[in-house]
Amino acid sequence: MTAPRTQEAQGEEQPFRLWPALQEAVRGSRQDFTAGPIGRAILLLAVPMVLETVMESIFAVLELPLAYVLAHPLGMGPQGVFLSEAVAFSSLAVVSVVVFRKGRWKLREV
């Protein structure tokens, strides 16, 4: 008795499914983006860029109010703005170290 043939085995493309494609875009995978459908390639490349933009926005949510408070109410002026840059980048570095030390990246094979 032989196993039933799948669509891939018959040479047909599988239908596009959004949720698995989004999961793959976030997790990452090694593939040739020129071999498949262009819409899937655009999605897989665009999702990480959108996530990066969102993370930059979260960074700005910390930095901008801190710059205002240090510059005006505390009277530090331009030095307060530069200090807010240092605090924001330092907090980003701490978060990056925590994520790096968690080590989930070690489990992925490249």
PDB file of N, CA and C in Angstrom:
ATOM      1  N   MET A   1       0.851  -1.177   0.000  1.00  0.00           N
ATOM      2  CA  MET A   1       0.000   0.000   0.000  1.00  0.00           C
ATOM      3  C   MET A   1       0.891   1.233   0.000  1.00  0.00           C
ATOM      4  N   THR A   2       0.633   2.172  -0.876  1.00  0.00           N
ATOM      5  CA  THR A   2       1.455   3.376  -0.962  1.00  0.00           C
ATOM      6  C   THR A   2       0.782   4.523  -0.234  1.00  0.00           C
ATOM      7  N   ALA A   3       1.606   5.464   0.210  1.00  0.00           N
ATOM      8  CA  ALA A   3       1.084   6.630   0.912  1.00  0.00           C
ATOM      9  C   ALA A   3       0.394   7.559  -0.079  1.00  0.00           C
ATOM     10  N   PRO A   4      -0.650   8.251   0.366  1.00  0.00           N
ATOM     11  CA  PRO A   4      -1.328   9.183  -0.535  1.00  0.00           C
ATOM     12  C   PRO A   4      -0.388  10.316  -0.948  1.00  0.00           C
ATOM     13  N   ARG A   5      -0.527  10.747  -2.181  1.00  0.00           N
ATOM     14  CA  ARG A   5       0.333  11.806  -2.690  1.00  0.00           C
ATOM     15  C   ARG A   5      -0.184  13.161  -2.231  1.00  0.00           C
ATOM     16  N   THR A   6       0.735  14.012  -1.843  1.00  0.00           N
ATOM     17  CA  THR A   6       0.351  15.363  -1.436  1.00  0.00           C
ATOM     18  C   THR A   6       0.359  16.272  -2.645  1.00  0.00           C
ATOM     19  N   GLN A   7      -0.114  17.499  -2.443  1.00  0.00           N
ATOM     20  CA  GLN A   7      -0.109  18.467  -3.537  1.00  0.00           C
ATOM     21  C   GLN A   7       1.311  18.761  -3.989  1.00  0.00           C
ATOM     22  N   GLU A   8       2.264  18.840  -3.023  1.00  0.00           N
ATOM     23  CA  GLU A   8       3.651  19.117  -3.384  1.00  0.00           C
ATOM     24  C   GLU A   8       4.210  18.001  -4.250  1.00  0.00           C
ATOM     25  N   ALA A   9       3.855  16.762  -3.933  1.00  0.00           N
ATOM     26  CA  ALA A   9       4.370  15.636  -4.698  1.00  0.00           C
ATOM     27  C   ALA A   9       3.815  15.646  -6.114  1.00  0.00           C
ATOM     28  N   GLN A  10       2.627  16.199  -6.290  1.00  0.00           N
ATOM     29  CA  GLN A  10       2.016  16.266  -7.602  1.00  0.00           C
ATOM     30  C   GLN A  10       2.485  17.469  -8.399  1.00  0.00           C
ATOM     31  N   GLY A  11       3.329  18.334  -7.792  1.00  0.00           N
ATOM     32  CA  GLY A  11       3.848  19.492  -8.493  1.00  0.00           C
ATOM     33  C   GLY A  11       2.957  20.718  -8.404  1.00  0.00           C
ATOM     34  N   GLU A  12       1.901  20.673  -7.600  1.00  0.00           N
ATOM     35  CA  GLU A  12       1.011  21.817  -7.442  1.00  0.00           C
ATOM     36  C   GLU A  12       1.434  22.607  -6.219  1.00  0.00           C
ATOM     37  N   GLU A  13       1.228  23.923  -6.269  1.00  0.00           N
ATOM     38  CA  GLU A  13       1.535  24.757  -5.118  1.00  0.00           C
ATOM     39  C   GLU A  13       0.437  24.623  -4.081  1.00  0.00           C
ATOM     40  N   GLN A  14       0.853  24.674  -2.817  1.00  0.00           N
ATOM     41  CA  GLN A  14      -0.134  24.640  -1.748  1.00  0.00           C
ATOM     42  C   GLN A  14      -0.770  26.014  -1.626  1.00  0.00           C
ATOM     43  N   PRO A  15      -2.025  26.097  -1.171  1.00  0.00           N
ATOM     44  CA  PRO A  15      -2.671  27.399  -1.027  1.00  0.00           C
ATOM     45  C   PRO A  15      -1.972  28.233   0.049  1.00  0.00           C
ATOM     46  N   PHE A  16      -1.998  29.538  -0.132  1.00  0.00           N
ATOM     47  CA  PHE A  16      -1.359  30.452   0.808  1.00  0.00           C
ATOM     48  C   PHE A  16      -2.160  30.495   2.097  1.00  0.00           C
ATOM     49  N   ARG A  17      -1.455  30.309   3.208  1.00  0.00           N
ATOM     50  CA  ARG A  17      -2.080  30.380   4.530  1.00  0.00           C
ATOM     51  C   ARG A  17      -1.362  31.464   5.314  1.00  0.00           C
ATOM     52  N   LEU A  18      -2.094  32.458   5.788  1.00  0.00           N
ATOM     53  CA  LEU A  18      -1.513  33.651   6.394  1.00  0.00           C
ATOM     54  C   LEU A  18      -0.828  33.366   7.722  1.00  0.00           C
ATOM     55  N   TRP A  19      -1.509  32.691   8.638  1.00  0.00           N
ATOM     56  CA  TRP A  19      -0.942  32.499   9.979  1.00  0.00           C
ATOM     57  C   TRP A  19       0.384  31.722   9.955  1.00  0.00           C
ATOM     58  N   PRO A  20       0.490  30.592   9.270  1.00  0.00           N
ATOM     59  CA  PRO A  20       1.792  29.919   9.209  1.00  0.00           C
ATOM     60  C   PRO A  20       2.868  30.778   8.547  1.00  0.00           C
ATOM     61  N   ALA A  21       2.477  31.585   7.561  1.00  0.00           N
ATOM     62  CA  ALA A  21       3.451  32.464   6.909  1.00  0.00           C
ATOM     63  C   ALA A  21       3.948  33.535   7.871  1.00  0.00           C
ATOM     64  N   LEU A  22       3.055  34.098   8.698  1.00  0.00           N
ATOM     65  CA  LEU A  22       3.474  35.083   9.694  1.00  0.00           C
ATOM     66  C   LEU A  22       4.387  34.462  10.743  1.00  0.00           C
ATOM     67  N   GLN A  23       4.059  33.260  11.178  1.00  0.00           N
ATOM     68  CA  GLN A  23       4.923  32.571  12.140  1.00  0.00           C
ATOM     69  C   GLN A  23       6.306  32.324  11.552  1.00  0.00           C
ATOM     70  N   GLU A  24       6.353  31.922  10.308  1.00  0.00           N
ATOM     71  CA  GLU A  24       7.638  31.676   9.655  1.00  0.00           C
ATOM     72  C   GLU A  24       8.428  32.970   9.501  1.00  0.00           C
ATOM     73  N   ALA A  25       7.736  34.074   9.229  1.00  0.00           N
ATOM     74  CA  ALA A  25       8.404  35.359   9.080  1.00  0.00           C
ATOM     75  C   ALA A  25       9.035  35.810  10.388  1.00  0.00           C
ATOM     76  N   VAL A  26       8.363  35.555  11.502  1.00  0.00           N
ATOM     77  CA  VAL A  26       8.886  35.959  12.806  1.00  0.00           C
ATOM     78  C   VAL A  26      10.012  35.031  13.250  1.00  0.00           C
ATOM     79  N   ARG A  27       9.839  33.736  13.065  1.00  0.00           N
ATOM     80  CA  ARG A  27      10.847  32.764  13.495  1.00  0.00           C
ATOM     81  C   ARG A  27      12.052  32.735  12.568  1.00  0.00           C
ATOM     82  N   GLY A  28      11.812  32.998  11.314  1.00  0.00           N
ATOM     83  CA  GLY A  28      12.885  32.962  10.326  1.00  0.00           C
ATOM     84  C   GLY A  28      13.077  31.566   9.765  1.00  0.00           C
ATOM     85  N   SER A  29      13.521  31.515   8.544  1.00  0.00           N
ATOM     86  CA  SER A  29      13.800  30.239   7.909  1.00  0.00           C
ATOM     87  C   SER A  29      14.810  30.477   6.800  1.00  0.00           C
ATOM     88  N   ARG A  30      15.465  29.427   6.420  1.00  0.00           N
ATOM     89  CA  ARG A  30      16.461  29.530   5.370  1.00  0.00           C
ATOM     90  C   ARG A  30      15.817  29.058   4.071  1.00  0.00           C
ATOM     91  N   GLN A  31      15.703  29.993   3.129  1.00  0.00           N
ATOM     92  CA  GLN A  31      15.062  29.628   1.875  1.00  0.00           C
ATOM     93  C   GLN A  31      15.451  30.604   0.779  1.00  0.00           C
ATOM     94  N   ASP A  32      15.175  30.219  -0.439  1.00  0.00           N
ATOM     95  CA  ASP A  32      15.422  31.044  -1.603  1.00  0.00           C
ATOM     96  C   ASP A  32      14.136  31.800  -1.909  1.00  0.00           C
ATOM     97  N   PHE A  33      14.144  33.109  -1.706  1.00  0.00           N
ATOM     98  CA  PHE A  33      12.933  33.899  -1.890  1.00  0.00           C
ATOM     99  C   PHE A  33      12.573  34.072  -3.361  1.00  0.00           C
ATOM    100  N   THR A  34      13.488  33.753  -4.261  1.00  0.00           N
ATOM    101  CA  THR A  34      13.184  33.879  -5.689  1.00  0.00           C
ATOM    102  C   THR A  34      12.495  32.640  -6.242  1.00  0.00           C
ATOM    103  N   ALA A  35      12.446  31.571  -5.461  1.00  0.00           N
ATOM    104  CA  ALA A  35      11.884  30.312  -5.958  1.00  0.00           C
ATOM    105  C   ALA A  35      10.371  30.219  -5.786  1.00  0.00           C
ATOM    106  N   GLY A  36       9.817  30.921  -4.804  1.00  0.00           N
ATOM    107  CA  GLY A  36       8.384  30.792  -4.530  1.00  0.00           C
ATOM    108  C   GLY A  36       7.591  31.970  -5.045  1.00  0.00           C
ATOM    109  N   PRO A  37       6.344  32.044  -4.620  1.00  0.00           N
ATOM    110  CA  PRO A  37       5.479  33.153  -5.035  1.00  0.00           C
ATOM    111  C   PRO A  37       5.985  34.488  -4.487  1.00  0.00           C
ATOM    112  N   ILE A  38       5.851  35.545  -5.271  1.00  0.00           N
ATOM    113  CA  ILE A  38       6.355  36.859  -4.881  1.00  0.00           C
ATOM    114  C   ILE A  38       5.625  37.419  -3.669  1.00  0.00           C
ATOM    115  N   GLY A  39       4.325  37.161  -3.543  1.00  0.00           N
ATOM    116  CA  GLY A  39       3.566  37.655  -2.400  1.00  0.00           C
ATOM    117  C   GLY A  39       4.071  37.081  -1.086  1.00  0.00           C
ATOM    118  N   ARG A  40       4.401  35.804  -1.105  1.00  0.00           N
ATOM    119  CA  ARG A  40       4.943  35.158   0.105  1.00  0.00           C
ATOM    120  C   ARG A  40       6.307  35.740   0.451  1.00  0.00           C
ATOM    121  N   ALA A  41       7.144  35.971  -0.544  1.00  0.00           N
ATOM    122  CA  ALA A  41       8.470  36.553  -0.297  1.00  0.00           C
ATOM    123  C   ALA A  41       8.344  37.957   0.285  1.00  0.00           C
ATOM    124  N   ILE A  42       7.428  38.741  -0.251  1.00  0.00           N
ATOM    125  CA  ILE A  42       7.230  40.096   0.270  1.00  0.00           C
ATOM    126  C   ILE A  42       6.782  40.040   1.721  1.00  0.00           C
ATOM    127  N   LEU A  43       5.860  39.143   2.044  1.00  0.00           N
ATOM    128  CA  LEU A  43       5.382  39.016   3.419  1.00  0.00           C
ATOM    129  C   LEU A  43       6.512  38.594   4.353  1.00  0.00           C
ATOM    130  N   LEU A  44       7.283  37.586   3.955  1.00  0.00           N
ATOM    131  CA  LEU A  44       8.347  37.084   4.810  1.00  0.00           C
ATOM    132  C   LEU A  44       9.437  38.126   5.037  1.00  0.00           C
ATOM    133  N   LEU A  45       9.636  39.021   4.100  1.00  0.00           N
ATOM    134  CA  LEU A  45      10.641  40.063   4.261  1.00  0.00           C
ATOM    135  C   LEU A  45      10.084  41.315   4.933  1.00  0.00           C
ATOM    136  N   ALA A  46       8.798  41.585   4.772  1.00  0.00           N
ATOM    137  CA  ALA A  46       8.208  42.805   5.310  1.00  0.00           C
ATOM    138  C   ALA A  46       7.901  42.707   6.798  1.00  0.00           C
ATOM    139  N   VAL A  47       7.501  41.546   7.276  1.00  0.00           N
ATOM    140  CA  VAL A  47       7.113  41.405   8.686  1.00  0.00           C
ATOM    141  C   VAL A  47       8.265  41.778   9.627  1.00  0.00           C
ATOM    142  N   PRO A  48       9.494  41.288   9.432  1.00  0.00           N
ATOM    143  CA  PRO A  48      10.571  41.720  10.325  1.00  0.00           C
ATOM    144  C   PRO A  48      10.845  43.229  10.269  1.00  0.00           C
ATOM    145  N   MET A  49      10.676  43.829   9.101  1.00  0.00           N
ATOM    146  CA  MET A  49      10.879  45.275   9.001  1.00  0.00           C
ATOM    147  C   MET A  49       9.819  46.039   9.784  1.00  0.00           C
ATOM    148  N   VAL A  50       8.581  45.572   9.732  1.00  0.00           N
ATOM    149  CA  VAL A  50       7.506  46.218  10.486  1.00  0.00           C
ATOM    150  C   VAL A  50       7.748  46.043  11.989  1.00  0.00           C
ATOM    151  N   LEU A  51       8.170  44.866  12.400  1.00  0.00           N
ATOM    152  CA  LEU A  51       8.473  44.644  13.820  1.00  0.00           C
ATOM    153  C   LEU A  51       9.608  45.547  14.290  1.00  0.00           C
ATOM    154  N   GLU A  52      10.610  45.755  13.454  1.00  0.00           N
ATOM    155  CA  GLU A  52      11.710  46.656  13.796  1.00  0.00           C
ATOM    156  C   GLU A  52      11.196  48.086  13.978  1.00  0.00           C
ATOM    157  N   THR A  53      10.291  48.508  13.120  1.00  0.00           N
ATOM    158  CA  THR A  53       9.712  49.847  13.234  1.00  0.00           C
ATOM    159  C   THR A  53       8.925  49.982  14.532  1.00  0.00           C
ATOM    160  N   VAL A  54       8.179  48.961  14.895  1.00  0.00           N
ATOM    161  CA  VAL A  54       7.424  48.979  16.149  1.00  0.00           C
ATOM    162  C   VAL A  54       8.372  49.062  17.338  1.00  0.00           C
ATOM    163  N   MET A  55       9.462  48.303  17.291  1.00  0.00           N
ATOM    164  CA  MET A  55      10.426  48.339  18.404  1.00  0.00           C
ATOM    165  C   MET A  55      11.089  49.715  18.503  1.00  0.00           C
ATOM    166  N   GLU A  56      11.374  50.357  17.384  1.00  0.00           N
ATOM    167  CA  GLU A  56      11.925  51.711  17.406  1.00  0.00           C
ATOM    168  C   GLU A  56      10.922  52.684  18.014  1.00  0.00           C
ATOM    169  N   SER A  57       9.640  52.475  17.746  1.00  0.00           N
ATOM    170  CA  SER A  57       8.611  53.341  18.320  1.00  0.00           C
ATOM    171  C   SER A  57       8.552  53.181  19.835  1.00  0.00           C
ATOM    172  N   ILE A  58       8.686  51.960  20.311  1.00  0.00           N
ATOM    173  CA  ILE A  58       8.710  51.723  21.759  1.00  0.00           C
ATOM    174  C   ILE A  58       9.923  52.413  22.377  1.00  0.00           C
ATOM    175  N   PHE A  59      11.042  52.369  21.674  1.00  0.00           N
ATOM    176  CA  PHE A  59      12.249  53.054  22.127  1.00  0.00           C
ATOM    177  C   PHE A  59      11.989  54.557  22.236  1.00  0.00           C
ATOM    178  N   ALA A  60      11.284  55.135  21.262  1.00  0.00           N
ATOM    179  CA  ALA A  60      10.981  56.567  21.273  1.00  0.00           C
ATOM    180  C   ALA A  60      10.035  56.930  22.415  1.00  0.00           C
ATOM    181  N   VAL A  61       9.146  56.008  22.781  1.00  0.00           N
ATOM    182  CA  VAL A  61       8.221  56.262  23.894  1.00  0.00           C
ATOM    183  C   VAL A  61       8.983  56.476  25.192  1.00  0.00           C
ATOM    184  N   LEU A  62      10.100  55.813  25.353  1.00  0.00           N
ATOM    185  CA  LEU A  62      10.938  56.021  26.536  1.00  0.00           C
ATOM    186  C   LEU A  62      11.786  57.279  26.392  1.00  0.00           C
ATOM    187  N   GLU A  63      12.370  57.448  25.229  1.00  0.00           N
ATOM    188  CA  GLU A  63      13.354  58.515  25.044  1.00  0.00           C
ATOM    189  C   GLU A  63      12.748  59.918  25.033  1.00  0.00           C
ATOM    190  N   LEU A  64      11.674  60.131  24.295  1.00  0.00           N
ATOM    191  CA  LEU A  64      11.135  61.477  24.134  1.00  0.00           C
ATOM    192  C   LEU A  64      10.590  62.092  25.429  1.00  0.00           C
ATOM    193  N   PRO A  65       9.769  61.368  26.196  1.00  0.00           N
ATOM    194  CA  PRO A  65       9.324  61.978  27.463  1.00  0.00           C
ATOM    195  C   PRO A  65      10.478  62.227  28.430  1.00  0.00           C
ATOM    196  N   LEU A  66      11.433  61.335  28.453  1.00  0.00           N
ATOM    197  CA  LEU A  66      12.591  61.525  29.331  1.00  0.00           C
ATOM    198  C   LEU A  66      13.379  62.759  28.902  1.00  0.00           C
ATOM    199  N   ALA A  67      13.545  62.958  27.599  1.00  0.00           N
ATOM    200  CA  ALA A  67      14.252  64.145  27.107  1.00  0.00           C
ATOM    201  C   ALA A  67      13.519  65.412  27.512  1.00  0.00           C
ATOM    202  N   TYR A  68      12.208  65.397  27.400  1.00  0.00           N
ATOM    203  CA  TYR A  68      11.434  66.584  27.779  1.00  0.00           C
ATOM    204  C   TYR A  68      11.577  66.882  29.268  1.00  0.00           C
ATOM    205  N   VAL A  69      11.410  65.856  30.101  1.00  0.00           N
ATOM    206  CA  VAL A  69      11.470  66.052  31.558  1.00  0.00           C
ATOM    207  C   VAL A  69      12.851  66.544  31.979  1.00  0.00           C
ATOM    208  N   LEU A  70      13.886  65.948  31.414  1.00  0.00           N
ATOM    209  CA  LEU A  70      15.237  66.376  31.787  1.00  0.00           C
ATOM    210  C   LEU A  70      15.558  67.773  31.267  1.00  0.00           C
ATOM    211  N   ALA A  71      15.080  68.104  30.082  1.00  0.00           N
ATOM    212  CA  ALA A  71      15.420  69.395  29.480  1.00  0.00           C
ATOM    213  C   ALA A  71      14.647  70.553  30.107  1.00  0.00           C
ATOM    214  N   HIS A  72      13.331  70.402  30.299  1.00  0.00           N
ATOM    215  CA  HIS A  72      12.518  71.546  30.744  1.00  0.00           C
ATOM    216  C   HIS A  72      12.231  71.549  32.243  1.00  0.00           C
ATOM    217  N   PRO A  73      11.450  70.614  32.790  1.00  0.00           N
ATOM    218  CA  PRO A  73      11.135  70.707  34.224  1.00  0.00           C
ATOM    219  C   PRO A  73      12.375  70.633  35.124  1.00  0.00           C
ATOM    220  N   LEU A  74      13.354  69.844  34.754  1.00  0.00           N
ATOM    221  CA  LEU A  74      14.557  69.749  35.582  1.00  0.00           C
ATOM    222  C   LEU A  74      15.610  70.785  35.193  1.00  0.00           C
ATOM    223  N   GLY A  75      15.367  71.519  34.111  1.00  0.00           N
ATOM    224  CA  GLY A  75      16.230  72.630  33.727  1.00  0.00           C
ATOM    225  C   GLY A  75      17.607  72.243  33.212  1.00  0.00           C
ATOM    226  N   MET A  76      17.767  71.048  32.669  1.00  0.00           N
ATOM    227  CA  MET A  76      19.093  70.628  32.192  1.00  0.00           C
ATOM    228  C   MET A  76      19.362  71.072  30.759  1.00  0.00           C
ATOM    229  N   GLY A  77      18.333  71.488  30.031  1.00  0.00           N
ATOM    230  CA  GLY A  77      18.515  71.959  28.664  1.00  0.00           C
ATOM    231  C   GLY A  77      19.037  70.871  27.735  1.00  0.00           C
ATOM    232  N   PRO A  78      19.949  71.248  26.813  1.00  0.00           N
ATOM    233  CA  PRO A  78      20.475  70.274  25.849  1.00  0.00           C
ATOM    234  C   PRO A  78      21.196  69.090  26.515  1.00  0.00           C
ATOM    235  N   GLN A  79      21.806  69.330  27.660  1.00  0.00           N
ATOM    236  CA  GLN A  79      22.464  68.223  28.358  1.00  0.00           C
ATOM    237  C   GLN A  79      21.449  67.166  28.791  1.00  0.00           C
ATOM    238  N   GLY A  80      20.247  67.576  29.146  1.00  0.00           N
ATOM    239  CA  GLY A  80      19.192  66.640  29.511  1.00  0.00           C
ATOM    240  C   GLY A  80      18.764  65.790  28.328  1.00  0.00           C
ATOM    241  N   VAL A  81      18.727  66.416  27.145  1.00  0.00           N
ATOM    242  CA  VAL A  81      18.365  65.670  25.943  1.00  0.00           C
ATOM    243  C   VAL A  81      19.425  64.611  25.657  1.00  0.00           C
ATOM    244  N   PHE A  82      20.687  65.002  25.726  1.00  0.00           N
ATOM    245  CA  PHE A  82      21.761  64.029  25.483  1.00  0.00           C
ATOM    246  C   PHE A  82      21.794  62.943  26.554  1.00  0.00           C
ATOM    247  N   LEU A  83      21.494  63.306  27.790  1.00  0.00           N
ATOM    248  CA  LEU A  83      21.436  62.310  28.856  1.00  0.00           C
ATOM    249  C   LEU A  83      20.297  61.315  28.597  1.00  0.00           C
ATOM    250  N   SER A  84      19.168  61.795  28.082  1.00  0.00           N
ATOM    251  CA  SER A  84      18.062  60.884  27.775  1.00  0.00           C
ATOM    252  C   SER A  84      18.468  59.900  26.677  1.00  0.00           C
ATOM    253  N   GLU A  85      19.259  60.361  25.713  1.00  0.00           N
ATOM    254  CA  GLU A  85      19.783  59.452  24.677  1.00  0.00           C
ATOM    255  C   GLU A  85      20.614  58.349  25.332  1.00  0.00           C
ATOM    256  N   ALA A  86      21.487  58.733  26.236  1.00  0.00           N
ATOM    257  CA  ALA A  86      22.351  57.751  26.898  1.00  0.00           C
ATOM    258  C   ALA A  86      21.533  56.756  27.711  1.00  0.00           C
ATOM    259  N   VAL A  87      20.538  57.248  28.435  1.00  0.00           N
ATOM    260  CA  VAL A  87      19.699  56.363  29.251  1.00  0.00           C
ATOM    261  C   VAL A  87      18.898  55.422  28.364  1.00  0.00           C
ATOM    262  N   ALA A  88      18.332  55.941  27.277  1.00  0.00           N
ATOM    263  CA  ALA A  88      17.526  55.115  26.386  1.00  0.00           C
ATOM    264  C   ALA A  88      18.381  54.041  25.713  1.00  0.00           C
ATOM    265  N   PHE A  89      19.554  54.403  25.202  1.00  0.00           N
ATOM    266  CA  PHE A  89      20.411  53.414  24.568  1.00  0.00           C
ATOM    267  C   PHE A  89      20.946  52.400  25.579  1.00  0.00           C
ATOM    268  N   SER A  90      21.216  52.844  26.795  1.00  0.00           N
ATOM    269  CA  SER A  90      21.675  51.915  27.827  1.00  0.00           C
ATOM    270  C   SER A  90      20.583  50.909  28.181  1.00  0.00           C
ATOM    271  N   SER A  91      19.346  51.387  28.273  1.00  0.00           N
ATOM    272  CA  SER A  91      18.248  50.460  28.566  1.00  0.00           C
ATOM    273  C   SER A  91      18.054  49.482  27.410  1.00  0.00           C
ATOM    274  N   LEU A  92      18.216  49.953  26.179  1.00  0.00           N
ATOM    275  CA  LEU A  92      18.138  49.062  25.026  1.00  0.00           C
ATOM    276  C   LEU A  92      19.249  48.015  25.076  1.00  0.00           C
ATOM    277  N   ALA A  93      20.440  48.431  25.494  1.00  0.00           N
ATOM    278  CA  ALA A  93      21.557  47.487  25.611  1.00  0.00           C
ATOM    279  C   ALA A  93      21.279  46.440  26.680  1.00  0.00           C
ATOM    280  N   VAL A  94      20.710  46.851  27.800  1.00  0.00           N
ATOM    281  CA  VAL A  94      20.393  45.904  28.875  1.00  0.00           C
ATOM    282  C   VAL A  94      19.359  44.886  28.392  1.00  0.00           C
ATOM    283  N   VAL A  95      18.329  45.351  27.707  1.00  0.00           N
ATOM    284  CA  VAL A  95      17.316  44.438  27.177  1.00  0.00           C
ATOM    285  C   VAL A  95      17.944  43.478  26.174  1.00  0.00           C
ATOM    286  N   SER A  96      18.835  43.979  25.326  1.00  0.00           N
ATOM    287  CA  SER A  96      19.501  43.123  24.344  1.00  0.00           C
ATOM    288  C   SER A  96      20.339  42.041  25.018  1.00  0.00           C
ATOM    289  N   VAL A  97      21.036  42.400  26.073  1.00  0.00           N
ATOM    290  CA  VAL A  97      21.850  41.415  26.803  1.00  0.00           C
ATOM    291  C   VAL A  97      20.963  40.350  27.435  1.00  0.00           C
ATOM    292  N   VAL A  98      19.836  40.773  27.999  1.00  0.00           N
ATOM    293  CA  VAL A  98      18.912  39.810  28.611  1.00  0.00           C
ATOM    294  C   VAL A  98      18.384  38.837  27.567  1.00  0.00           C
ATOM    295  N   VAL A  99      17.979  39.365  26.418  1.00  0.00           N
ATOM    296  CA  VAL A  99      17.474  38.502  25.346  1.00  0.00           C
ATOM    297  C   VAL A  99      18.574  37.570  24.855  1.00  0.00           C
ATOM    298  N   PHE A 100      19.778  38.092  24.717  1.00  0.00           N
ATOM    299  CA  PHE A 100      20.903  37.272  24.259  1.00  0.00           C
ATOM    300  C   PHE A 100      21.220  36.163  25.251  1.00  0.00           C
ATOM    301  N   ARG A 101      21.209  36.485  26.530  1.00  0.00           N
ATOM    302  CA  ARG A 101      21.547  35.485  27.554  1.00  0.00           C
ATOM    303  C   ARG A 101      20.481  34.409  27.722  1.00  0.00           C
ATOM    304  N   LYS A 102      19.239  34.719  27.335  1.00  0.00           N
ATOM    305  CA  LYS A 102      18.195  33.686  27.391  1.00  0.00           C
ATOM    306  C   LYS A 102      18.588  32.509  26.513  1.00  0.00           C
ATOM    307  N   GLY A 103      19.254  32.794  25.407  1.00  0.00           N
ATOM    308  CA  GLY A 103      19.843  31.751  24.595  1.00  0.00           C
ATOM    309  C   GLY A 103      18.916  31.016  23.653  1.00  0.00           C
ATOM    310  N   ARG A 104      17.721  31.548  23.401  1.00  0.00           N
ATOM    311  CA  ARG A 104      16.832  30.847  22.459  1.00  0.00           C
ATOM    312  C   ARG A 104      17.444  30.783  21.065  1.00  0.00           C
ATOM    313  N   TRP A 105      18.331  31.728  20.759  1.00  0.00           N
ATOM    314  CA  TRP A 105      18.956  31.745  19.443  1.00  0.00           C
ATOM    315  C   TRP A 105      19.876  30.547  19.250  1.00  0.00           C
ATOM    316  N   LYS A 106      20.346  29.951  20.347  1.00  0.00           N
ATOM    317  CA  LYS A 106      21.241  28.784  20.248  1.00  0.00           C
ATOM    318  C   LYS A 106      20.513  27.549  19.741  1.00  0.00           C
ATOM    319  N   LEU A 107      19.214  27.515  19.911  1.00  0.00           N
ATOM    320  CA  LEU A 107      18.425  26.344  19.536  1.00  0.00           C
ATOM    321  C   LEU A 107      18.137  26.289  18.040  1.00  0.00           C
ATOM    322  N   ARG A 108      18.366  27.368  17.326  1.00  0.00           N
ATOM    323  CA  ARG A 108      18.059  27.429  15.906  1.00  0.00           C
ATOM    324  C   ARG A 108      19.279  27.022  15.093  1.00  0.00           C
ATOM    325  N   GLU A 109      19.054  26.189  14.130  1.00  0.00           N
ATOM    326  CA  GLU A 109      20.134  25.744  13.246  1.00  0.00           C
ATOM    327  C   GLU A 109      20.104  26.605  11.988  1.00  0.00           C
ATOM    328  N   VAL A 110      21.270  27.127  11.633  1.00  0.00           N
ATOM    329  CA  VAL A 110      21.350  27.994  10.447  1.00  0.00           C
ATOM    330  C   VAL A 110      22.006  27.253   9.319  1.00  0.00           C
TER     331      VAL A 110
END
